[in-house]
Amino acid sequence: MIIEMRTHKLKPGWRERFLEVFRGRSMPAQTEIGIRILGPFRSLEDPDTIFFLRGFPDLDSRTRMKDQFYEGRLWKGELEAILLPMIEKYDVVLVDDPDGEVRWPDPLH
């Protein structure tokens, strides 16, 4: 499994609103496509930073699933205009979990 370790540094004061939209709209849409998500987690050291992991079966699936989400109607027509202005910067680190040791939550709960 390919895992994106994501850090989002949000503009000051926007973390809770970002999390509300992310959990309520973005996460369900990504999960529906098959993207696994662990988190989001709030930084204890920075009130404007969150972390989360996204899991994909392999690199080809990652490309396909990301394209499906980011080129889709929900992102293009709604979420892009809401979430992107809240983000100061983000970082993504790709890692491999070849043995499937990461324990992902059940997307139905």
C-alpha atoms as a PDB file:
ATOM      1  CA  MET A   1       0.000   0.000   0.000  1.00  0.00           C
ATOM      2  CA  ILE A   2       1.157   3.533  -0.793  1.00  0.00           C
ATOM      3  CA  ILE A   3       0.578   6.067   1.970  1.00  0.00           C
ATOM      4  CA  GLU A   4       0.584   9.832   1.759  1.00  0.00           C
ATOM      5  CA  MET A   5       1.625  11.423   5.046  1.00  0.00           C
ATOM      6  CA  ARG A   6       0.053  14.875   4.775  1.00  0.00           C
ATOM      7  CA  THR A   7       0.655  18.025   6.815  1.00  0.00           C
ATOM      8  CA  HIS A   8      -1.609  21.014   6.283  1.00  0.00           C
ATOM      9  CA  LYS A   9      -0.581  24.352   7.753  1.00  0.00           C
ATOM     10  CA  LEU A  10      -3.759  26.401   7.773  1.00  0.00           C
ATOM     11  CA  LYS A  11      -4.148  30.137   7.888  1.00  0.00           C
ATOM     12  CA  PRO A  12      -4.535  31.364  11.484  1.00  0.00           C
ATOM     13  CA  GLY A  13      -7.915  30.630  13.026  1.00  0.00           C
ATOM     14  CA  TRP A  14      -9.255  28.363  10.272  1.00  0.00           C
ATOM     15  CA  ARG A  15      -8.458  24.906  11.646  1.00  0.00           C
ATOM     16  CA  GLU A  16     -11.876  24.038  13.093  1.00  0.00           C
ATOM     17  CA  ARG A  17     -13.769  25.237  10.021  1.00  0.00           C
ATOM     18  CA  PHE A  18     -11.374  23.331   7.751  1.00  0.00           C
ATOM     19  CA  LEU A  19     -11.882  20.160   9.803  1.00  0.00           C
ATOM     20  CA  GLU A  20     -15.658  20.578   9.715  1.00  0.00           C
ATOM     21  CA  VAL A  21     -15.710  20.726   5.905  1.00  0.00           C
ATOM     22  CA  PHE A  22     -12.986  18.117   5.512  1.00  0.00           C
ATOM     23  CA  ARG A  23     -14.770  15.576   7.734  1.00  0.00           C
ATOM     24  CA  GLY A  24     -18.257  16.347   6.496  1.00  0.00           C
ATOM     25  CA  ARG A  25     -17.688  16.629   2.740  1.00  0.00           C
ATOM     26  CA  SER A  26     -14.163  15.768   1.578  1.00  0.00           C
ATOM     27  CA  MET A  27     -13.509  12.593   3.566  1.00  0.00           C
ATOM     28  CA  PRO A  28     -16.771  10.865   2.605  1.00  0.00           C
ATOM     29  CA  ALA A  29     -16.221  11.656  -1.078  1.00  0.00           C
ATOM     30  CA  GLN A  30     -12.644  10.358  -1.010  1.00  0.00           C
ATOM     31  CA  THR A  31     -13.669   7.239   0.895  1.00  0.00           C
ATOM     32  CA  GLU A  32     -16.392   6.564  -1.671  1.00  0.00           C
ATOM     33  CA  ILE A  33     -13.703   6.528  -4.390  1.00  0.00           C
ATOM     34  CA  GLY A  34     -11.671   4.027  -2.370  1.00  0.00           C
ATOM     35  CA  ILE A  35      -9.097   6.340  -0.775  1.00  0.00           C
ATOM     36  CA  ARG A  36      -8.400   5.236   2.797  1.00  0.00           C
ATOM     37  CA  ILE A  37      -8.031   8.054   5.348  1.00  0.00           C
ATOM     38  CA  LEU A  38      -6.592   7.918   8.839  1.00  0.00           C
ATOM     39  CA  GLY A  39      -7.090  11.125  10.778  1.00  0.00           C
ATOM     40  CA  PRO A  40      -7.280  14.032  10.689  1.00  0.00           C
ATOM     41  CA  PHE A  41      -5.175  14.775  13.731  1.00  0.00           C
ATOM     42  CA  ARG A  42      -4.732  18.189  15.356  1.00  0.00           C
ATOM     43  CA  SER A  43      -1.185  19.279  16.137  1.00  0.00           C
ATOM     44  CA  LEU A  44      -0.620  19.799  19.854  1.00  0.00           C
ATOM     45  CA  GLU A  45       2.212  22.219  19.087  1.00  0.00           C
ATOM     46  CA  ASP A  46       0.587  24.434  16.457  1.00  0.00           C
ATOM     47  CA  PRO A  47      -3.086  25.467  16.587  1.00  0.00           C
ATOM     48  CA  ASP A  48      -3.142  25.898  12.804  1.00  0.00           C
ATOM     49  CA  THR A  49      -1.750  22.519  11.714  1.00  0.00           C
ATOM     50  CA  ILE A  50      -3.402  19.175  11.001  1.00  0.00           C
ATOM     51  CA  PHE A  51      -2.053  15.808   9.870  1.00  0.00           C
ATOM     52  CA  PHE A  52      -3.684  12.864   8.122  1.00  0.00           C
ATOM     53  CA  LEU A  53      -2.769   9.788   6.129  1.00  0.00           C
ATOM     54  CA  ARG A  54      -4.270   8.705   2.822  1.00  0.00           C
ATOM     55  CA  GLY A  55      -3.834   5.146   1.601  1.00  0.00           C
ATOM     56  CA  PHE A  56      -3.872   3.791  -1.946  1.00  0.00           C
ATOM     57  CA  PRO A  57      -3.355   0.228  -3.229  1.00  0.00           C
ATOM     58  CA  ASP A  58      -0.436   1.270  -5.472  1.00  0.00           C
ATOM     59  CA  LEU A  59       1.005   4.272  -7.344  1.00  0.00           C
ATOM     60  CA  ASP A  60      -1.228   3.812 -10.396  1.00  0.00           C
ATOM     61  CA  SER A  61      -4.332   3.696  -8.197  1.00  0.00           C
ATOM     62  CA  ARG A  62      -3.140   6.795  -6.369  1.00  0.00           C
ATOM     63  CA  THR A  63      -2.945   8.748  -9.611  1.00  0.00           C
ATOM     64  CA  ARG A  64      -6.326   7.501 -10.815  1.00  0.00           C
ATOM     65  CA  MET A  65      -8.142   8.050  -7.497  1.00  0.00           C
ATOM     66  CA  LYS A  66      -6.674  11.513  -6.955  1.00  0.00           C
ATOM     67  CA  ASP A  67      -7.653  12.520 -10.500  1.00  0.00           C
ATOM     68  CA  GLN A  68     -11.157  11.209  -9.938  1.00  0.00           C
ATOM     69  CA  PHE A  69     -11.519  13.262  -6.746  1.00  0.00           C
ATOM     70  CA  TYR A  70      -9.755  16.488  -7.768  1.00  0.00           C
ATOM     71  CA  GLU A  71     -11.303  16.597 -11.245  1.00  0.00           C
ATOM     72  CA  GLY A  72     -14.747  15.702  -9.917  1.00  0.00           C
ATOM     73  CA  ARG A  73     -17.757  17.923  -9.568  1.00  0.00           C
ATOM     74  CA  LEU A  74     -17.645  18.149  -5.751  1.00  0.00           C
ATOM     75  CA  TRP A  75     -14.034  19.377  -5.641  1.00  0.00           C
ATOM     76  CA  LYS A  76     -14.211  21.625  -8.687  1.00  0.00           C
ATOM     77  CA  GLY A  77     -17.681  22.984  -7.990  1.00  0.00           C
ATOM     78  CA  GLU A  78     -17.524  23.414  -4.234  1.00  0.00           C
ATOM     79  CA  LEU A  79     -14.649  22.210  -2.064  1.00  0.00           C
ATOM     80  CA  GLU A  80     -11.765  23.766  -3.972  1.00  0.00           C
ATOM     81  CA  ALA A  81     -13.184  27.267  -3.414  1.00  0.00           C
ATOM     82  CA  ILE A  82     -13.903  26.559   0.266  1.00  0.00           C
ATOM     83  CA  LEU A  83     -10.821  24.612   1.417  1.00  0.00           C
ATOM     84  CA  LEU A  84      -7.921  25.987  -0.622  1.00  0.00           C
ATOM     85  CA  PRO A  85      -8.212  29.568   0.706  1.00  0.00           C
ATOM     86  CA  MET A  86      -7.843  28.187   4.267  1.00  0.00           C
ATOM     87  CA  ILE A  87      -4.516  26.475   3.505  1.00  0.00           C
ATOM     88  CA  GLU A  88      -1.269  28.364   3.951  1.00  0.00           C
ATOM     89  CA  LYS A  89       0.821  25.417   2.754  1.00  0.00           C
ATOM     90  CA  TYR A  90       0.844  21.647   2.728  1.00  0.00           C
ATOM     91  CA  ASP A  91       3.451  18.921   2.513  1.00  0.00           C
ATOM     92  CA  VAL A  92       3.098  15.351   1.294  1.00  0.00           C
ATOM     93  CA  VAL A  93       5.522  12.515   1.973  1.00  0.00           C
ATOM     94  CA  LEU A  94       4.950   9.212   0.150  1.00  0.00           C
ATOM     95  CA  VAL A  95       5.831   6.009   1.951  1.00  0.00           C
ATOM     96  CA  ASP A  96       5.248   2.338   1.289  1.00  0.00           C
ATOM     97  CA  ASP A  97       3.468  -0.042   3.668  1.00  0.00           C
ATOM     98  CA  PRO A  98       4.314  -3.302   1.871  1.00  0.00           C
ATOM     99  CA  ASP A  99       3.144  -5.543   4.725  1.00  0.00           C
ATOM    100  CA  GLY A 100      -0.159  -3.725   5.286  1.00  0.00           C
ATOM    101  CA  GLU A 101       0.676  -2.897   8.900  1.00  0.00           C
ATOM    102  CA  VAL A 102      -1.283   0.363   9.047  1.00  0.00           C
ATOM    103  CA  ARG A 103      -4.684  -0.265  10.620  1.00  0.00           C
ATOM    104  CA  TRP A 104      -7.272   1.743   8.709  1.00  0.00           C
ATOM    105  CA  PRO A 105     -10.689   2.528  10.194  1.00  0.00           C
ATOM    106  CA  ASP A 106     -13.743   0.843   8.737  1.00  0.00           C
ATOM    107  CA  PRO A 107     -15.101   3.429   6.240  1.00  0.00           C
ATOM    108  CA  LEU A 108     -18.674   2.458   7.088  1.00  0.00           C
ATOM    109  CA  HIS A 109     -18.379   3.642  10.701  1.00  0.00           C
END
